[in-house]
Amino acid sequence: MRKPFIAGNWKMNNNIRESVALAKALTEKNKNITDRDIIIAPVFTSLSAVAETIKGSAIKLGAQNMHYEKPGAFTGEISADMLTDAGCTYVILGHSERRLLFAETDIVINKKIKCALANKLLPILCCGEVLEEREKGKMNEVVEKQLAGSLDGISEKDAGQIIIAYEPVWAIGTGKTATPEDADNMHKFIREYISRRYSKTLAAAIRILYGGSVKDSNVDSLMSKENIDGALVGGASLNADSFNRIINFKK
């Protein structure tokens, strides 16, 4: 039985005061949760303050990105050990906005995953197709290529530390959502790919999240599907009430 995993990606939103207030509201609403993992990923400037706010709670801290190099002359970047020092347990890598807006390639994402694992950070690896690729029926091909490149040279043992997030790019921030059936089909395809690449054992154990306009109104139907293990939530994670409802989804 795979433990559900709900992650809130706050993107470039909330200053330190706002981040602390939201984190405090979430910890108060979810003090006794043990049957699912909850992660929030604020902006870099808020990490330490949020870490202090959620200390001792069920909520864990994640970062939205990182560089693969050790500390040095990399202006504007942040290293893996800086994230762990700030209290992070997880890091989101390969998000579609990083791929599309900042030209991150599978090679770069692969380096970041290896660096994260070497520094005891658990990667949330994102993959997904744009609308044109889905309309041409190339979604499986695109996702497999992203996974193959991002997981290059990573052992089965290390791959077992990774959470995969499928995010159809055409559904992010648009209000559109893949139907639960479409999402489950892609999650099943990803699980089959992991089985081919590694083993049936890992495929059965690895957690695959759905990310793409997840809201309190659709989370139950998404989470009812066999292959969907959780959600990577964007805009709806910025409101304590809506994110709390997502955290406490009902199957």
C-alpha atoms as a PDB file:
ATOM      1  CA  MET A   1       0.000   0.000   0.000  1.00  0.00           C
ATOM      2  CA  ARG A   2       1.548   3.274  -1.146  1.00  0.00           C
ATOM      3  CA  LYS A   3       1.268   6.114   1.338  1.00  0.00           C
ATOM      4  CA  PRO A   4      -0.516   9.145  -0.169  1.00  0.00           C
ATOM      5  CA  PHE A   5       1.661  12.187  -0.795  1.00  0.00           C
ATOM      6  CA  ILE A   6       0.331  15.747  -1.028  1.00  0.00           C
ATOM      7  CA  ALA A   7       2.759  18.529  -1.974  1.00  0.00           C
ATOM      8  CA  GLY A   8       2.091  22.252  -2.160  1.00  0.00           C
ATOM      9  CA  ASN A   9       4.261  24.170  -4.616  1.00  0.00           C
ATOM     10  CA  TRP A  10       3.865  27.836  -3.674  1.00  0.00           C
ATOM     11  CA  LYS A  11       5.885  28.966  -6.706  1.00  0.00           C
ATOM     12  CA  MET A  12       6.919  32.671  -6.652  1.00  0.00           C
ATOM     13  CA  ASN A  13       4.295  33.664  -4.093  1.00  0.00           C
ATOM     14  CA  ASN A  14       4.212  34.780  -0.444  1.00  0.00           C
ATOM     15  CA  ASN A  15       6.826  36.803   1.403  1.00  0.00           C
ATOM     16  CA  ILE A  16       8.224  35.520   4.708  1.00  0.00           C
ATOM     17  CA  ARG A  17       5.330  36.819   6.825  1.00  0.00           C
ATOM     18  CA  GLU A  18       2.723  35.373   4.460  1.00  0.00           C
ATOM     19  CA  SER A  19       4.555  32.064   4.199  1.00  0.00           C
ATOM     20  CA  VAL A  20       4.776  31.679   7.977  1.00  0.00           C
ATOM     21  CA  ALA A  21       1.078  32.524   8.389  1.00  0.00           C
ATOM     22  CA  LEU A  22       0.047  29.927   5.803  1.00  0.00           C
ATOM     23  CA  ALA A  23       2.367  27.278   7.255  1.00  0.00           C
ATOM     24  CA  LYS A  24       1.009  27.951  10.738  1.00  0.00           C
ATOM     25  CA  ALA A  25      -2.589  27.599   9.560  1.00  0.00           C
ATOM     26  CA  LEU A  26      -1.785  24.283   7.870  1.00  0.00           C
ATOM     27  CA  THR A  27       0.015  22.832  10.887  1.00  0.00           C
ATOM     28  CA  GLU A  28      -2.892  23.764  13.156  1.00  0.00           C
ATOM     29  CA  LYS A  29      -5.374  22.041  10.848  1.00  0.00           C
ATOM     30  CA  ASN A  30      -3.309  18.864  10.402  1.00  0.00           C
ATOM     31  CA  LYS A  31      -1.732  18.136  13.766  1.00  0.00           C
ATOM     32  CA  ASN A  32      -2.590  14.458  13.957  1.00  0.00           C
ATOM     33  CA  ILE A  33      -2.219  13.251  10.384  1.00  0.00           C
ATOM     34  CA  THR A  34      -0.006  10.173  10.057  1.00  0.00           C
ATOM     35  CA  ASP A  35      -1.521   8.263   7.131  1.00  0.00           C
ATOM     36  CA  ARG A  36      -0.215  10.576   4.390  1.00  0.00           C
ATOM     37  CA  ASP A  37       2.853  12.698   3.690  1.00  0.00           C
ATOM     38  CA  ILE A  38       2.401  16.469   3.469  1.00  0.00           C
ATOM     39  CA  ILE A  39       5.040  18.726   1.929  1.00  0.00           C
ATOM     40  CA  ILE A  40       5.087  22.474   1.340  1.00  0.00           C
ATOM     41  CA  ALA A  41       7.598  24.242  -0.904  1.00  0.00           C
ATOM     42  CA  PRO A  42       7.818  28.004  -0.290  1.00  0.00           C
ATOM     43  CA  VAL A  43      10.202  30.456  -1.943  1.00  0.00           C
ATOM     44  CA  PHE A  44      13.872  30.256  -0.955  1.00  0.00           C
ATOM     45  CA  THR A  45      13.718  33.370   1.241  1.00  0.00           C
ATOM     46  CA  SER A  46      11.022  31.785   3.419  1.00  0.00           C
ATOM     47  CA  LEU A  47      12.524  28.334   3.876  1.00  0.00           C
ATOM     48  CA  SER A  48      14.188  28.813   7.257  1.00  0.00           C
ATOM     49  CA  ALA A  49      11.230  30.663   8.766  1.00  0.00           C
ATOM     50  CA  VAL A  50       8.764  28.052   7.531  1.00  0.00           C
ATOM     51  CA  ALA A  51      11.030  25.248   8.778  1.00  0.00           C
ATOM     52  CA  GLU A  52      10.834  26.742  12.266  1.00  0.00           C
ATOM     53  CA  THR A  53       7.044  27.111  11.997  1.00  0.00           C
ATOM     54  CA  ILE A  54       6.403  23.483  11.021  1.00  0.00           C
ATOM     55  CA  LYS A  55       8.988  21.951  13.364  1.00  0.00           C
ATOM     56  CA  GLY A  56       7.555  18.922  15.159  1.00  0.00           C
ATOM     57  CA  SER A  57       4.482  18.752  12.910  1.00  0.00           C
ATOM     58  CA  ALA A  58       3.457  16.234  10.250  1.00  0.00           C
ATOM     59  CA  ILE A  59       4.364  18.707   7.500  1.00  0.00           C
ATOM     60  CA  LYS A  60       7.764  18.483   5.810  1.00  0.00           C
ATOM     61  CA  LEU A  61       9.664  21.163   3.920  1.00  0.00           C
ATOM     62  CA  GLY A  62      10.582  21.113   0.261  1.00  0.00           C
ATOM     63  CA  ALA A  63      12.369  23.494  -2.100  1.00  0.00           C
ATOM     64  CA  GLN A  64      11.242  24.412  -5.591  1.00  0.00           C
ATOM     65  CA  ASN A  65      14.595  23.969  -7.305  1.00  0.00           C
ATOM     66  CA  MET A  66      18.361  23.756  -6.741  1.00  0.00           C
ATOM     67  CA  HIS A  67      21.663  23.794  -8.591  1.00  0.00           C
ATOM     68  CA  TYR A  68      23.732  20.641  -9.056  1.00  0.00           C
ATOM     69  CA  GLU A  69      27.107  22.217  -8.275  1.00  0.00           C
ATOM     70  CA  LYS A  70      28.763  22.609  -4.899  1.00  0.00           C
ATOM     71  CA  PRO A  71      28.833  26.149  -3.434  1.00  0.00           C
ATOM     72  CA  GLY A  72      30.885  28.486  -5.574  1.00  0.00           C
ATOM     73  CA  ALA A  73      30.711  31.175  -8.226  1.00  0.00           C
ATOM     74  CA  PHE A  74      27.137  30.545  -9.409  1.00  0.00           C
ATOM     75  CA  THR A  75      25.354  33.858  -8.952  1.00  0.00           C
ATOM     76  CA  GLY A  76      21.658  33.511  -8.180  1.00  0.00           C
ATOM     77  CA  GLU A  77      21.752  29.770  -7.508  1.00  0.00           C
ATOM     78  CA  ILE A  78      21.300  27.702  -4.360  1.00  0.00           C
ATOM     79  CA  SER A  79      23.045  24.444  -3.480  1.00  0.00           C
ATOM     80  CA  ALA A  80      21.748  21.182  -2.051  1.00  0.00           C
ATOM     81  CA  ASP A  81      23.560  21.588   1.260  1.00  0.00           C
ATOM     82  CA  MET A  82      22.071  25.064   1.645  1.00  0.00           C
ATOM     83  CA  LEU A  83      18.616  23.514   1.307  1.00  0.00           C
ATOM     84  CA  THR A  84      19.253  20.841   3.905  1.00  0.00           C
ATOM     85  CA  ASP A  85      20.740  23.478   6.202  1.00  0.00           C
ATOM     86  CA  ALA A  86      17.495  25.462   5.831  1.00  0.00           C
ATOM     87  CA  GLY A  87      15.491  22.398   6.874  1.00  0.00           C
ATOM     88  CA  CYS A  88      14.457  20.876   3.549  1.00  0.00           C
ATOM     89  CA  THR A  89      13.772  17.186   3.127  1.00  0.00           C
ATOM     90  CA  TYR A  90      12.460  17.318  -0.451  1.00  0.00           C
ATOM     91  CA  VAL A  91      13.217  19.253  -3.633  1.00  0.00           C
ATOM     92  CA  ILE A  92      11.067  19.661  -6.759  1.00  0.00           C
ATOM     93  CA  LEU A  93      13.089  19.081  -9.927  1.00  0.00           C
ATOM     94  CA  GLY A  94      12.182  19.290 -13.605  1.00  0.00           C
ATOM     95  CA  HIS A  95       8.984  21.271 -13.124  1.00  0.00           C
ATOM     96  CA  SER A  96       7.485  22.259 -16.474  1.00  0.00           C
ATOM     97  CA  GLU A  97       8.079  25.935 -15.715  1.00  0.00           C
ATOM     98  CA  ARG A  98      11.778  25.194 -15.235  1.00  0.00           C
ATOM     99  CA  ARG A  99      11.831  23.208 -18.468  1.00  0.00           C
ATOM    100  CA  LEU A 100       9.876  25.698 -20.574  1.00  0.00           C
ATOM    101  CA  LEU A 101      10.755  29.106 -19.106  1.00  0.00           C
ATOM    102  CA  PHE A 102      14.342  28.423 -18.027  1.00  0.00           C
ATOM    103  CA  ALA A 103      15.346  25.897 -20.706  1.00  0.00           C
ATOM    104  CA  GLU A 104      16.292  23.113 -18.300  1.00  0.00           C
ATOM    105  CA  THR A 105      17.082  19.907 -20.167  1.00  0.00           C
ATOM    106  CA  ASP A 106      16.836  16.293 -19.073  1.00  0.00           C
ATOM    107  CA  ILE A 107      20.636  16.300 -18.767  1.00  0.00           C
ATOM    108  CA  VAL A 108      20.522  19.200 -16.293  1.00  0.00           C
ATOM    109  CA  ILE A 109      17.659  17.624 -14.358  1.00  0.00           C
ATOM    110  CA  ASN A 110      19.549  14.343 -14.202  1.00  0.00           C
ATOM    111  CA  LYS A 111      22.542  16.119 -12.644  1.00  0.00           C
ATOM    112  CA  LYS A 112      20.262  17.777 -10.120  1.00  0.00           C
ATOM    113  CA  ILE A 113      18.649  14.467  -9.138  1.00  0.00           C
ATOM    114  CA  LYS A 114      22.026  12.847  -8.577  1.00  0.00           C
ATOM    115  CA  CYS A 115      23.181  15.832  -6.525  1.00  0.00           C
ATOM    116  CA  ALA A 116      19.992  15.827  -4.444  1.00  0.00           C
ATOM    117  CA  LEU A 117      20.297  12.119  -3.664  1.00  0.00           C
ATOM    118  CA  ALA A 118      23.966  12.513  -2.737  1.00  0.00           C
ATOM    119  CA  ASN A 119      22.947  15.209  -0.258  1.00  0.00           C
ATOM    120  CA  LYS A 120      20.079  13.249   1.318  1.00  0.00           C
ATOM    121  CA  LEU A 121      17.371  15.309  -0.398  1.00  0.00           C
ATOM    122  CA  LEU A 122      14.396  13.403  -1.807  1.00  0.00           C
ATOM    123  CA  PRO A 123      13.619  14.503  -5.381  1.00  0.00           C
ATOM    124  CA  ILE A 124      10.128  15.077  -6.720  1.00  0.00           C
ATOM    125  CA  LEU A 125      10.762  14.524 -10.432  1.00  0.00           C
ATOM    126  CA  CYS A 126       8.258  16.237 -12.734  1.00  0.00           C
ATOM    127  CA  CYS A 127       7.365  15.158 -16.256  1.00  0.00           C
ATOM    128  CA  GLY A 128       4.573  15.941 -18.678  1.00  0.00           C
ATOM    129  CA  GLU A 129       3.561  16.942 -22.181  1.00  0.00           C
ATOM    130  CA  VAL A 130       2.334  20.207 -23.697  1.00  0.00           C
ATOM    131  CA  LEU A 131      -1.050  20.438 -25.458  1.00  0.00           C
ATOM    132  CA  GLU A 132       0.353  20.084 -28.980  1.00  0.00           C
ATOM    133  CA  GLU A 133       2.142  16.871 -28.013  1.00  0.00           C
ATOM    134  CA  ARG A 134      -1.027  15.414 -26.495  1.00  0.00           C
ATOM    135  CA  GLU A 135      -3.128  16.383 -29.525  1.00  0.00           C
ATOM    136  CA  LYS A 136      -0.614  14.575 -31.757  1.00  0.00           C
ATOM    137  CA  GLY A 137      -0.803  11.482 -29.547  1.00  0.00           C
ATOM    138  CA  LYS A 138       2.841  11.819 -28.493  1.00  0.00           C
ATOM    139  CA  MET A 139       2.264  12.134 -24.731  1.00  0.00           C
ATOM    140  CA  ASN A 140       3.650   8.681 -23.886  1.00  0.00           C
ATOM    141  CA  GLU A 141       6.690   9.208 -26.077  1.00  0.00           C
ATOM    142  CA  VAL A 142       7.407  12.608 -24.506  1.00  0.00           C
ATOM    143  CA  VAL A 143       7.016  11.420 -20.923  1.00  0.00           C
ATOM    144  CA  GLU A 144       9.142   8.313 -21.496  1.00  0.00           C
ATOM    145  CA  LYS A 145      11.907  10.442 -23.050  1.00  0.00           C
ATOM    146  CA  GLN A 146      11.849  12.824 -20.080  1.00  0.00           C
ATOM    147  CA  LEU A 147      11.995   9.970 -17.588  1.00  0.00           C
ATOM    148  CA  ALA A 148      14.741   8.140 -19.493  1.00  0.00           C
ATOM    149  CA  GLY A 149      16.950  11.221 -19.591  1.00  0.00           C
ATOM    150  CA  SER A 150      16.235  12.334 -16.043  1.00  0.00           C
ATOM    151  CA  LEU A 151      16.884   8.868 -14.589  1.00  0.00           C
ATOM    152  CA  ASP A 152      20.007   8.128 -16.648  1.00  0.00           C
ATOM    153  CA  GLY A 153      22.640   6.353 -14.548  1.00  0.00           C
ATOM    154  CA  ILE A 154      20.432   6.200 -11.455  1.00  0.00           C
ATOM    155  CA  SER A 155      20.308   2.803  -9.735  1.00  0.00           C
ATOM    156  CA  GLU A 156      17.128   1.049  -8.687  1.00  0.00           C
ATOM    157  CA  LYS A 157      18.003   1.674  -5.047  1.00  0.00           C
ATOM    158  CA  ASP A 158      18.318   5.416  -5.644  1.00  0.00           C
ATOM    159  CA  ALA A 159      15.263   5.501  -7.896  1.00  0.00           C
ATOM    160  CA  GLY A 160      13.323   4.139  -4.945  1.00  0.00           C
ATOM    161  CA  GLN A 161      13.955   7.455  -3.176  1.00  0.00           C
ATOM    162  CA  ILE A 162      12.332   9.472  -5.962  1.00  0.00           C
ATOM    163  CA  ILE A 163       8.713  10.607  -6.203  1.00  0.00           C
ATOM    164  CA  ILE A 164       7.439  11.164  -9.746  1.00  0.00           C
ATOM    165  CA  ALA A 165       4.933  13.904 -10.540  1.00  0.00           C
ATOM    166  CA  TYR A 166       3.018  13.804 -13.823  1.00  0.00           C
ATOM    167  CA  GLU A 167       1.942  17.297 -14.796  1.00  0.00           C
ATOM    168  CA  PRO A 168       0.235  17.768 -18.160  1.00  0.00           C
ATOM    169  CA  VAL A 169       1.554  21.214 -19.017  1.00  0.00           C
ATOM    170  CA  TRP A 170      -1.684  22.226 -20.719  1.00  0.00           C
ATOM    171  CA  ALA A 171      -3.524  21.794 -17.406  1.00  0.00           C
ATOM    172  CA  ILE A 172      -1.222  23.882 -15.182  1.00  0.00           C
ATOM    173  CA  GLY A 173      -2.775  27.152 -14.099  1.00  0.00           C
ATOM    174  CA  THR A 174      -5.318  27.004 -16.912  1.00  0.00           C
ATOM    175  CA  GLY A 175      -8.268  25.643 -14.987  1.00  0.00           C
ATOM    176  CA  LYS A 176      -8.214  22.628 -17.292  1.00  0.00           C
ATOM    177  CA  THR A 177      -7.636  19.248 -15.706  1.00  0.00           C
ATOM    178  CA  ALA A 178      -6.944  15.889 -17.271  1.00  0.00           C
ATOM    179  CA  THR A 179      -9.872  13.623 -16.561  1.00  0.00           C
ATOM    180  CA  PRO A 180      -9.216  11.188 -13.721  1.00  0.00           C
ATOM    181  CA  GLU A 181      -9.199   8.436 -16.354  1.00  0.00           C
ATOM    182  CA  ASP A 182      -6.632  10.220 -18.557  1.00  0.00           C
ATOM    183  CA  ALA A 183      -4.447  10.947 -15.545  1.00  0.00           C
ATOM    184  CA  ASP A 184      -4.669   7.366 -14.310  1.00  0.00           C
ATOM    185  CA  ASN A 185      -3.779   6.031 -17.762  1.00  0.00           C
ATOM    186  CA  MET A 186      -0.603   8.115 -17.826  1.00  0.00           C
ATOM    187  CA  HIS A 187       0.270   7.125 -14.278  1.00  0.00           C
ATOM    188  CA  LYS A 188      -0.188   3.499 -15.301  1.00  0.00           C
ATOM    189  CA  PHE A 189       2.094   4.068 -18.303  1.00  0.00           C
ATOM    190  CA  ILE A 190       4.753   5.613 -16.031  1.00  0.00           C
ATOM    191  CA  ARG A 191       4.479   2.666 -13.649  1.00  0.00           C
ATOM    192  CA  GLU A 192       4.897   0.255 -16.567  1.00  0.00           C
ATOM    193  CA  TYR A 193       7.968   2.198 -17.711  1.00  0.00           C
ATOM    194  CA  ILE A 194       9.501   1.920 -14.237  1.00  0.00           C
ATOM    195  CA  SER A 195       8.763  -1.799 -14.303  1.00  0.00           C
ATOM    196  CA  ARG A 196      10.572  -2.184 -17.650  1.00  0.00           C
ATOM    197  CA  ARG A 197      13.499  -0.015 -16.635  1.00  0.00           C
ATOM    198  CA  TYR A 198      13.946  -1.317 -13.094  1.00  0.00           C
ATOM    199  CA  SER A 199      11.590  -3.945 -11.697  1.00  0.00           C
ATOM    200  CA  LYS A 200       7.966  -4.767 -10.953  1.00  0.00           C
ATOM    201  CA  THR A 201       8.787  -4.381  -7.274  1.00  0.00           C
ATOM    202  CA  LEU A 202       9.875  -0.762  -7.673  1.00  0.00           C
ATOM    203  CA  ALA A 203       6.989  -0.038 -10.042  1.00  0.00           C
ATOM    204  CA  ALA A 204       4.534  -1.235  -7.415  1.00  0.00           C
ATOM    205  CA  ALA A 205       6.180   0.842  -4.692  1.00  0.00           C
ATOM    206  CA  ILE A 206       7.052   4.136  -6.365  1.00  0.00           C
ATOM    207  CA  ARG A 207       4.669   7.007  -5.723  1.00  0.00           C
ATOM    208  CA  ILE A 208       3.342   8.966  -8.697  1.00  0.00           C
ATOM    209  CA  LEU A 209       1.595  12.283  -8.147  1.00  0.00           C
ATOM    210  CA  TYR A 210      -0.751  14.199 -10.404  1.00  0.00           C
ATOM    211  CA  GLY A 211      -0.150  17.908 -10.902  1.00  0.00           C
ATOM    212  CA  GLY A 212      -2.327  20.070 -13.102  1.00  0.00           C
ATOM    213  CA  SER A 213      -4.987  22.395 -11.659  1.00  0.00           C
ATOM    214  CA  VAL A 214      -5.682  20.120  -8.694  1.00  0.00           C
ATOM    215  CA  LYS A 215      -8.434  21.714  -6.614  1.00  0.00           C
ATOM    216  CA  ASP A 216     -10.548  20.858  -3.595  1.00  0.00           C
ATOM    217  CA  SER A 217     -13.381  20.144  -6.036  1.00  0.00           C
ATOM    218  CA  ASN A 218     -11.571  17.470  -8.071  1.00  0.00           C
ATOM    219  CA  VAL A 219      -9.075  15.906  -5.673  1.00  0.00           C
ATOM    220  CA  ASP A 220     -11.432  13.141  -4.520  1.00  0.00           C
ATOM    221  CA  SER A 221     -12.069  11.845  -8.035  1.00  0.00           C
ATOM    222  CA  LEU A 222      -8.371  11.974  -8.883  1.00  0.00           C
ATOM    223  CA  MET A 223      -7.318  10.197  -5.693  1.00  0.00           C
ATOM    224  CA  SER A 224      -9.883   7.455  -6.260  1.00  0.00           C
ATOM    225  CA  LYS A 225      -7.815   6.117  -9.161  1.00  0.00           C
ATOM    226  CA  GLU A 226      -5.563   3.098  -8.681  1.00  0.00           C
ATOM    227  CA  ASN A 227      -2.327   4.597  -9.962  1.00  0.00           C
ATOM    228  CA  ILE A 228      -2.618   8.134  -8.568  1.00  0.00           C
ATOM    229  CA  ASP A 229      -0.806   8.327  -5.230  1.00  0.00           C
ATOM    230  CA  GLY A 230      -1.062  12.012  -4.493  1.00  0.00           C
ATOM    231  CA  ALA A 231      -1.014  15.529  -5.854  1.00  0.00           C
ATOM    232  CA  LEU A 232       1.459  18.283  -6.649  1.00  0.00           C
ATOM    233  CA  VAL A 233      -0.687  21.344  -6.021  1.00  0.00           C
ATOM    234  CA  GLY A 234      -0.001  24.863  -7.261  1.00  0.00           C
ATOM    235  CA  GLY A 235      -2.482  27.709  -6.839  1.00  0.00           C
ATOM    236  CA  ALA A 236      -4.856  25.827  -4.545  1.00  0.00           C
ATOM    237  CA  SER A 237      -2.026  25.294  -2.042  1.00  0.00           C
ATOM    238  CA  LEU A 238      -1.840  29.053  -1.396  1.00  0.00           C
ATOM    239  CA  ASN A 239      -5.133  29.038   0.479  1.00  0.00           C
ATOM    240  CA  ALA A 240      -5.183  27.212   3.806  1.00  0.00           C
ATOM    241  CA  ASP A 241      -8.803  26.092   3.522  1.00  0.00           C
ATOM    242  CA  SER A 242      -8.570  24.745  -0.031  1.00  0.00           C
ATOM    243  CA  PHE A 243      -5.214  23.055   0.563  1.00  0.00           C
ATOM    244  CA  ASN A 244      -6.439  21.550   3.805  1.00  0.00           C
ATOM    245  CA  ARG A 245      -9.383  20.038   1.929  1.00  0.00           C
ATOM    246  CA  ILE A 246      -6.959  18.592  -0.642  1.00  0.00           C
ATOM    247  CA  ILE A 247      -4.760  17.182   2.114  1.00  0.00           C
ATOM    248  CA  ASN A 248      -7.827  15.556   3.638  1.00  0.00           C
ATOM    249  CA  PHE A 249      -9.146  14.107   0.396  1.00  0.00           C
ATOM    250  CA  LYS A 250     -11.806  11.407   0.516  1.00  0.00           C
ATOM    251  CA  LYS A 251     -11.661   8.307  -1.626  1.00  0.00           C
END
